[in-house]
N, C-alpha and C. Protein backbone atom coordinates (compact mmCIF):
# COMPACT_ATOMS: atom_id res chain seq x y z
N MET A 1 60.42 170.31 80.65
CA MET A 1 59.09 169.95 80.82
C MET A 1 58.89 168.72 81.47
N ARG A 2 59.71 167.79 81.35
CA ARG A 2 59.53 166.36 81.90
C ARG A 2 59.93 166.48 83.40
N ALA A 3 60.93 167.35 83.74
CA ALA A 3 61.22 167.55 85.13
C ALA A 3 60.02 168.21 85.97
N CYS A 4 59.24 169.10 85.35
CA CYS A 4 58.21 169.55 86.00
C CYS A 4 56.95 168.49 86.07
N LEU A 5 56.96 167.80 84.99
CA LEU A 5 55.86 166.66 85.00
C LEU A 5 56.24 165.70 86.15
N LEU A 6 57.54 165.35 86.37
CA LEU A 6 57.89 164.41 87.48
C LEU A 6 57.55 165.07 88.76
N SER A 7 57.87 166.25 89.02
CA SER A 7 57.51 166.77 90.35
C SER A 7 55.99 166.93 90.42
N GLN A 8 55.17 167.32 89.47
CA GLN A 8 53.76 167.37 89.74
C GLN A 8 53.16 166.01 89.74
N LEU A 9 53.52 165.16 89.15
CA LEU A 9 52.92 163.81 89.17
C LEU A 9 53.18 163.21 90.54
N PHE A 10 54.37 163.31 90.95
CA PHE A 10 54.84 162.96 92.42
C PHE A 10 53.74 163.59 93.45
N LEU A 11 53.65 164.90 93.31
CA LEU A 11 52.72 165.62 94.43
C LEU A 11 51.34 165.03 94.26
N ARG A 12 50.86 164.82 92.98
CA ARG A 12 49.41 164.32 92.94
C ARG A 12 49.37 162.88 93.29
N LEU A 13 50.31 162.09 93.13
CA LEU A 13 50.28 160.67 93.53
C LEU A 13 50.48 160.46 94.93
N VAL A 14 51.40 161.24 95.71
CA VAL A 14 51.78 160.83 96.91
C VAL A 14 50.58 161.03 97.95
N ILE A 15 49.56 161.76 97.63
CA ILE A 15 48.44 161.73 98.41
C ILE A 15 47.56 160.43 98.24
N HIS A 16 47.69 159.64 97.35
CA HIS A 16 46.87 158.32 97.09
C HIS A 16 47.65 157.15 97.45
N VAL A 17 48.93 157.25 97.14
CA VAL A 17 49.88 155.89 97.39
C VAL A 17 50.98 156.34 98.31
N GLY A 18 51.81 155.48 98.50
CA GLY A 18 52.86 155.84 99.42
C GLY A 18 53.98 156.76 98.65
N ARG A 19 55.04 157.13 99.42
CA ARG A 19 56.07 158.04 98.87
C ARG A 19 56.84 157.36 97.78
N LEU A 20 57.26 156.05 98.09
CA LEU A 20 58.14 155.36 97.24
C LEU A 20 57.28 155.08 95.95
N ALA A 21 56.04 154.50 96.05
CA ALA A 21 55.13 154.20 94.94
C ALA A 21 54.98 155.39 94.05
N ALA A 22 54.79 156.52 94.48
CA ALA A 22 54.51 157.89 93.90
C ALA A 22 55.78 158.21 93.14
N LEU A 23 56.85 158.07 93.66
CA LEU A 23 58.14 158.34 93.03
C LEU A 23 58.38 157.41 91.79
N VAL A 24 58.27 156.22 92.02
CA VAL A 24 58.39 155.17 91.01
C VAL A 24 57.25 155.42 89.86
N LEU A 25 56.08 155.70 90.31
CA LEU A 25 55.06 155.80 89.20
C LEU A 25 55.48 157.15 88.32
N ALA A 26 55.80 158.23 88.94
CA ALA A 26 56.09 159.42 88.39
C ALA A 26 57.19 159.15 87.60
N CYS A 27 58.33 158.57 87.85
CA CYS A 27 59.52 158.34 87.02
C CYS A 27 59.20 157.42 85.78
N LEU A 28 58.32 156.43 85.98
CA LEU A 28 57.99 155.57 84.91
C LEU A 28 57.01 156.46 83.94
N ALA A 29 56.15 157.27 84.42
CA ALA A 29 55.37 158.09 83.54
C ALA A 29 56.15 158.99 82.77
N VAL A 30 57.09 159.64 83.27
CA VAL A 30 58.13 160.53 82.56
C VAL A 30 58.87 159.76 81.55
N ALA A 31 59.51 158.62 81.97
CA ALA A 31 60.06 157.86 80.88
C ALA A 31 59.13 157.42 79.79
N SER A 32 57.97 157.11 80.12
CA SER A 32 57.02 156.88 78.93
C SER A 32 56.65 158.07 78.10
N VAL A 33 56.64 159.21 78.73
CA VAL A 33 56.48 160.36 77.86
C VAL A 33 57.73 160.50 76.91
N ALA A 34 58.87 160.42 77.48
CA ALA A 34 59.97 160.44 76.61
C ALA A 34 60.07 159.51 75.37
N VAL A 35 59.69 158.14 75.74
CA VAL A 35 59.75 157.33 74.73
C VAL A 35 58.51 157.68 73.65
N LEU A 36 57.53 157.96 74.07
CA LEU A 36 56.36 158.60 73.08
C LEU A 36 56.86 159.82 72.18
N LEU A 37 57.77 160.60 73.03
CA LEU A 37 58.03 161.77 72.15
C LEU A 37 59.10 161.43 71.03
N HIS A 38 59.77 160.44 71.17
CA HIS A 38 60.91 160.01 70.34
C HIS A 38 60.22 158.98 69.36
N LEU A 39 59.10 158.36 69.49
CA LEU A 39 58.63 157.41 68.58
C LEU A 39 58.47 157.95 67.23
N PRO A 40 57.79 159.12 66.89
CA PRO A 40 57.74 159.56 65.35
C PRO A 40 58.99 159.60 64.74
N LYS A 41 60.17 160.25 65.25
CA LYS A 41 61.37 160.34 64.80
C LYS A 41 61.89 158.96 64.38
N LEU A 42 61.92 157.97 65.37
CA LEU A 42 62.40 156.71 65.03
C LEU A 42 61.82 155.93 63.91
N VAL A 43 60.55 156.21 63.84
CA VAL A 43 59.55 155.35 62.88
C VAL A 43 59.72 156.08 61.53
N HIS A 44 59.54 157.50 61.61
CA HIS A 44 59.42 158.03 60.14
C HIS A 44 60.64 158.47 59.70
N GLU A 45 61.58 159.19 60.52
CA GLU A 45 62.89 159.66 59.90
C GLU A 45 64.04 158.55 59.82
N GLU A 46 63.92 157.72 60.82
CA GLU A 46 65.07 156.71 60.85
C GLU A 46 64.54 155.34 60.21
N GLY A 47 63.33 155.18 60.13
CA GLY A 47 62.68 153.95 59.43
C GLY A 47 62.91 152.75 60.32
N LEU A 48 62.90 152.85 61.55
CA LEU A 48 63.17 151.68 62.35
C LEU A 48 61.78 150.94 62.74
N GLY A 49 61.88 149.67 62.76
CA GLY A 49 60.64 148.80 63.02
C GLY A 49 61.03 147.56 63.82
N GLY A 50 60.07 147.01 64.25
CA GLY A 50 60.28 145.50 64.84
C GLY A 50 61.28 145.73 66.14
N SER A 51 62.24 144.68 66.09
CA SER A 51 63.15 144.52 67.03
C SER A 51 64.13 145.77 67.45
N GLU A 52 64.40 146.55 66.13
CA GLU A 52 65.27 147.66 66.23
C GLU A 52 64.60 148.78 66.85
N LEU A 53 63.28 149.02 66.62
CA LEU A 53 62.49 149.99 67.37
C LEU A 53 62.43 149.76 68.59
N ALA A 54 62.02 148.40 69.09
CA ALA A 54 61.84 148.11 70.34
C ALA A 54 63.12 148.33 71.21
N GLU A 55 64.23 147.97 70.65
CA GLU A 55 65.57 148.24 71.30
C GLU A 55 65.85 149.75 71.56
N ALA A 56 65.59 150.59 70.62
CA ALA A 56 65.90 151.88 70.61
C ALA A 56 64.92 152.50 71.68
N LEU A 57 63.70 152.17 71.75
CA LEU A 57 62.76 152.61 72.71
C LEU A 57 63.10 152.21 74.21
N PHE A 58 63.68 151.03 74.25
CA PHE A 58 64.22 150.60 75.53
C PHE A 58 65.45 151.41 76.06
N HIS A 59 66.36 151.78 75.07
CA HIS A 59 67.42 152.63 75.57
C HIS A 59 66.97 154.05 75.93
N ILE A 60 65.98 154.55 75.13
CA ILE A 60 65.41 156.02 75.39
C ILE A 60 64.70 156.01 76.89
N GLY A 61 63.94 154.78 77.15
CA GLY A 61 63.45 154.61 78.49
C GLY A 61 64.48 154.62 79.54
N ASN A 62 65.51 153.95 79.26
CA ASN A 62 66.59 153.83 80.31
C ASN A 62 67.34 155.16 80.32
N PHE A 63 67.55 155.85 79.33
CA PHE A 63 68.05 157.32 79.44
C PHE A 63 67.17 158.22 80.28
N ALA A 64 65.92 158.16 80.12
CA ALA A 64 64.97 158.97 80.68
C ALA A 64 64.91 158.68 82.28
N LEU A 65 64.84 157.40 82.48
CA LEU A 65 64.95 157.09 83.95
C LEU A 65 66.27 157.61 84.61
N ALA A 66 67.47 157.59 83.95
CA ALA A 66 68.60 157.96 84.52
C ALA A 66 68.72 159.56 84.59
N MET A 67 67.99 160.16 83.77
CA MET A 67 67.91 161.56 83.91
C MET A 67 66.97 162.10 85.06
N SER A 68 65.77 161.12 85.21
CA SER A 68 65.08 161.45 86.31
C SER A 68 65.81 161.20 87.69
N ALA A 69 66.64 160.11 87.65
CA ALA A 69 67.57 159.79 88.89
C ALA A 69 68.40 160.93 89.21
N LEU A 70 68.98 161.48 88.04
CA LEU A 70 70.03 162.64 88.22
C LEU A 70 69.31 163.99 88.60
N PHE A 71 68.08 164.09 88.13
CA PHE A 71 67.26 165.21 88.63
C PHE A 71 67.03 165.24 89.95
N LEU A 72 66.51 164.19 90.61
CA LEU A 72 66.34 163.85 91.81
C LEU A 72 67.44 163.86 92.81
N ALA A 73 68.48 163.41 92.43
CA ALA A 73 69.79 163.45 93.15
C ALA A 73 70.35 164.75 93.13
N ALA A 74 70.39 165.41 91.95
CA ALA A 74 71.09 166.92 91.97
C ALA A 74 70.22 168.04 92.36
N ARG A 75 68.85 167.90 92.13
CA ARG A 75 67.92 168.93 92.41
C ARG A 75 68.25 170.13 91.41
N ASN A 76 68.86 169.85 90.29
CA ASN A 76 69.34 170.92 89.36
C ASN A 76 69.06 170.29 87.97
N LEU A 77 68.17 171.23 87.32
CA LEU A 77 67.88 170.77 85.88
C LEU A 77 69.00 170.99 84.86
N PHE A 78 69.86 172.10 85.35
CA PHE A 78 70.95 172.34 84.38
C PHE A 78 72.04 171.14 84.35
N VAL A 79 72.15 170.33 85.27
CA VAL A 79 72.85 169.26 85.26
C VAL A 79 72.47 168.14 84.24
N CYS A 80 71.06 168.11 84.32
CA CYS A 80 70.52 167.04 83.30
C CYS A 80 70.61 167.47 81.92
N VAL A 81 70.27 168.79 81.84
CA VAL A 81 70.38 169.38 80.48
C VAL A 81 71.77 169.29 79.84
N GLY A 82 72.82 169.56 80.62
CA GLY A 82 74.19 169.45 80.20
C GLY A 82 74.61 167.96 79.86
N LEU A 83 74.27 167.03 80.61
CA LEU A 83 74.44 165.59 80.25
C LEU A 83 73.66 165.16 79.01
N HIS A 84 72.50 165.63 78.81
CA HIS A 84 71.68 165.45 77.80
C HIS A 84 72.27 165.99 76.63
N ALA A 85 72.89 167.16 76.46
CA ALA A 85 73.57 167.83 75.39
C ALA A 85 74.76 167.02 75.11
N ILE A 86 75.55 166.62 76.15
CA ILE A 86 76.87 165.66 75.91
C ILE A 86 76.41 164.47 75.16
N TRP A 87 75.28 163.82 75.61
CA TRP A 87 74.81 162.70 74.99
C TRP A 87 74.38 162.94 73.40
N ASN A 88 73.73 164.01 73.13
CA ASN A 88 73.46 164.32 71.91
C ASN A 88 74.81 164.70 70.99
N ALA A 89 75.70 165.36 71.55
CA ALA A 89 76.79 165.83 70.83
C ALA A 89 77.93 164.82 70.70
N ARG A 90 77.80 163.53 71.33
CA ARG A 90 78.82 162.66 71.34
C ARG A 90 79.57 162.26 69.93
N ALA A 91 78.70 162.36 68.91
CA ALA A 91 79.08 161.94 67.49
C ALA A 91 80.09 162.88 67.10
N THR A 92 79.96 164.19 67.41
CA THR A 92 80.85 165.13 66.98
C THR A 92 82.00 165.54 67.80
N VAL A 93 81.84 165.13 69.16
CA VAL A 93 82.88 165.63 70.17
C VAL A 93 84.02 164.55 70.38
N VAL A 94 83.35 163.22 70.50
CA VAL A 94 84.35 162.11 70.67
C VAL A 94 84.65 161.18 69.51
N ARG A 95 85.76 161.04 69.27
CA ARG A 95 86.18 160.02 68.06
C ARG A 95 86.60 158.72 68.65
N THR A 96 85.57 157.95 68.79
CA THR A 96 85.68 156.68 69.23
C THR A 96 84.44 155.69 69.00
N ASP A 97 84.46 154.55 69.12
CA ASP A 97 83.33 153.74 68.76
C ASP A 97 82.27 154.06 69.75
N TRP A 98 81.09 153.65 69.26
CA TRP A 98 79.77 153.95 70.07
C TRP A 98 79.79 153.23 71.48
N VAL A 99 80.27 151.82 71.21
CA VAL A 99 80.17 151.13 72.65
C VAL A 99 81.00 151.81 73.69
N SER A 100 82.11 152.42 73.34
CA SER A 100 83.04 153.14 74.31
C SER A 100 82.41 154.27 74.80
N ALA A 101 81.90 155.16 73.91
CA ALA A 101 81.31 156.35 74.08
C ALA A 101 80.12 156.18 75.05
N ASP A 102 79.22 155.18 74.74
CA ASP A 102 78.15 154.96 75.59
C ASP A 102 78.55 154.48 76.97
N GLY A 103 79.52 153.66 77.24
CA GLY A 103 79.88 153.31 78.32
C GLY A 103 80.53 154.24 79.21
N ALA A 104 81.23 155.11 78.55
CA ALA A 104 81.95 156.27 79.30
C ALA A 104 80.81 157.25 79.79
N TRP A 105 79.76 157.46 79.07
CA TRP A 105 78.68 158.41 79.36
C TRP A 105 78.03 157.86 80.51
N TRP A 106 77.57 156.44 80.39
CA TRP A 106 76.88 155.86 81.51
C TRP A 106 77.55 155.80 82.76
N MET A 107 78.90 155.57 82.74
CA MET A 107 79.74 155.46 83.96
C MET A 107 79.78 156.82 84.50
N CYS A 108 80.03 157.83 83.91
CA CYS A 108 80.17 159.30 84.36
C CYS A 108 78.74 159.58 84.96
N THR A 109 77.53 159.42 84.33
CA THR A 109 76.43 159.78 84.70
C THR A 109 76.11 159.00 86.18
N CYS A 110 76.41 157.72 86.24
CA CYS A 110 76.19 156.96 87.50
C CYS A 110 77.12 157.61 88.61
N LEU A 111 78.38 157.91 88.22
CA LEU A 111 79.17 158.47 89.23
C LEU A 111 78.68 159.91 89.62
N ILE A 112 78.21 160.63 88.78
CA ILE A 112 77.40 162.04 89.14
C ILE A 112 76.32 161.75 90.14
N ILE A 113 75.42 160.91 89.70
CA ILE A 113 74.25 160.60 90.49
C ILE A 113 74.72 160.26 91.82
N LEU A 114 75.72 159.30 91.97
CA LEU A 114 76.17 158.74 93.15
C LEU A 114 76.71 159.87 94.00
N GLY A 115 77.56 160.86 93.27
CA GLY A 115 78.21 161.90 94.07
C GLY A 115 77.15 162.91 94.76
N PHE A 116 76.08 163.09 93.99
CA PHE A 116 75.05 163.99 94.59
C PHE A 116 74.28 163.35 95.65
N MET A 117 74.21 162.06 95.50
CA MET A 117 73.52 161.37 96.64
C MET A 117 74.24 161.29 97.90
N LEU A 118 75.47 161.17 97.71
CA LEU A 118 76.48 160.99 98.93
C LEU A 118 76.76 162.42 99.53
N ALA A 119 76.51 163.42 98.88
CA ALA A 119 76.77 164.85 99.27
C ALA A 119 75.73 165.05 100.41
N LYS A 120 76.38 165.72 101.33
CA LYS A 120 75.45 166.09 102.44
C LYS A 120 74.41 167.13 102.07
N ARG A 121 73.15 166.65 102.19
CA ARG A 121 72.06 167.77 101.94
C ARG A 121 71.07 167.72 103.14
N PRO A 122 70.55 168.85 103.39
CA PRO A 122 69.52 168.91 104.46
C PRO A 122 68.31 167.99 104.18
N SER A 123 67.86 167.30 105.21
CA SER A 123 66.73 166.43 104.91
C SER A 123 65.53 167.15 104.30
N ALA A 124 64.85 166.38 103.58
CA ALA A 124 63.61 167.07 102.86
C ALA A 124 62.53 166.81 103.70
N SER A 125 61.41 167.66 103.55
CA SER A 125 60.22 167.69 104.30
C SER A 125 59.42 166.59 103.71
N PRO A 126 58.45 166.02 104.45
CA PRO A 126 57.67 164.80 104.03
C PRO A 126 56.93 165.06 102.64
N GLY A 127 56.52 166.20 102.43
CA GLY A 127 55.71 166.26 100.96
C GLY A 127 56.51 166.78 99.84
N THR A 128 57.85 166.59 100.01
CA THR A 128 58.52 167.04 98.90
C THR A 128 59.39 165.71 98.21
N LEU A 129 59.90 165.86 97.09
CA LEU A 129 60.55 164.70 96.46
C LEU A 129 61.67 164.38 97.07
């Protein structure tokens, strides 16, 4: 859903603002939606509040921005879904401390994004992402 929202927001915004501004605004809007979707779970199920809640929302926002960057680089939603599934399954798949697991996930994700960006792709037409 958020990948569709990213594309549609970009197409609506690029008419009114520049291409880069439309892309940034669309990514920030999608990250905001992700944060809002996770808010009830964090507050009601996990009982977070104050600085713990702010920190969790910050990390969710960063994750959403990374997934947006990955979607834009890969042009493939399945790559994003796969990395999101790995993120959600790390507690059962990897037996290590959270700091190491988070660091490894972020490093792999950044390398995947970089790999897709460096791969030779045909140039996009002006009205596309």
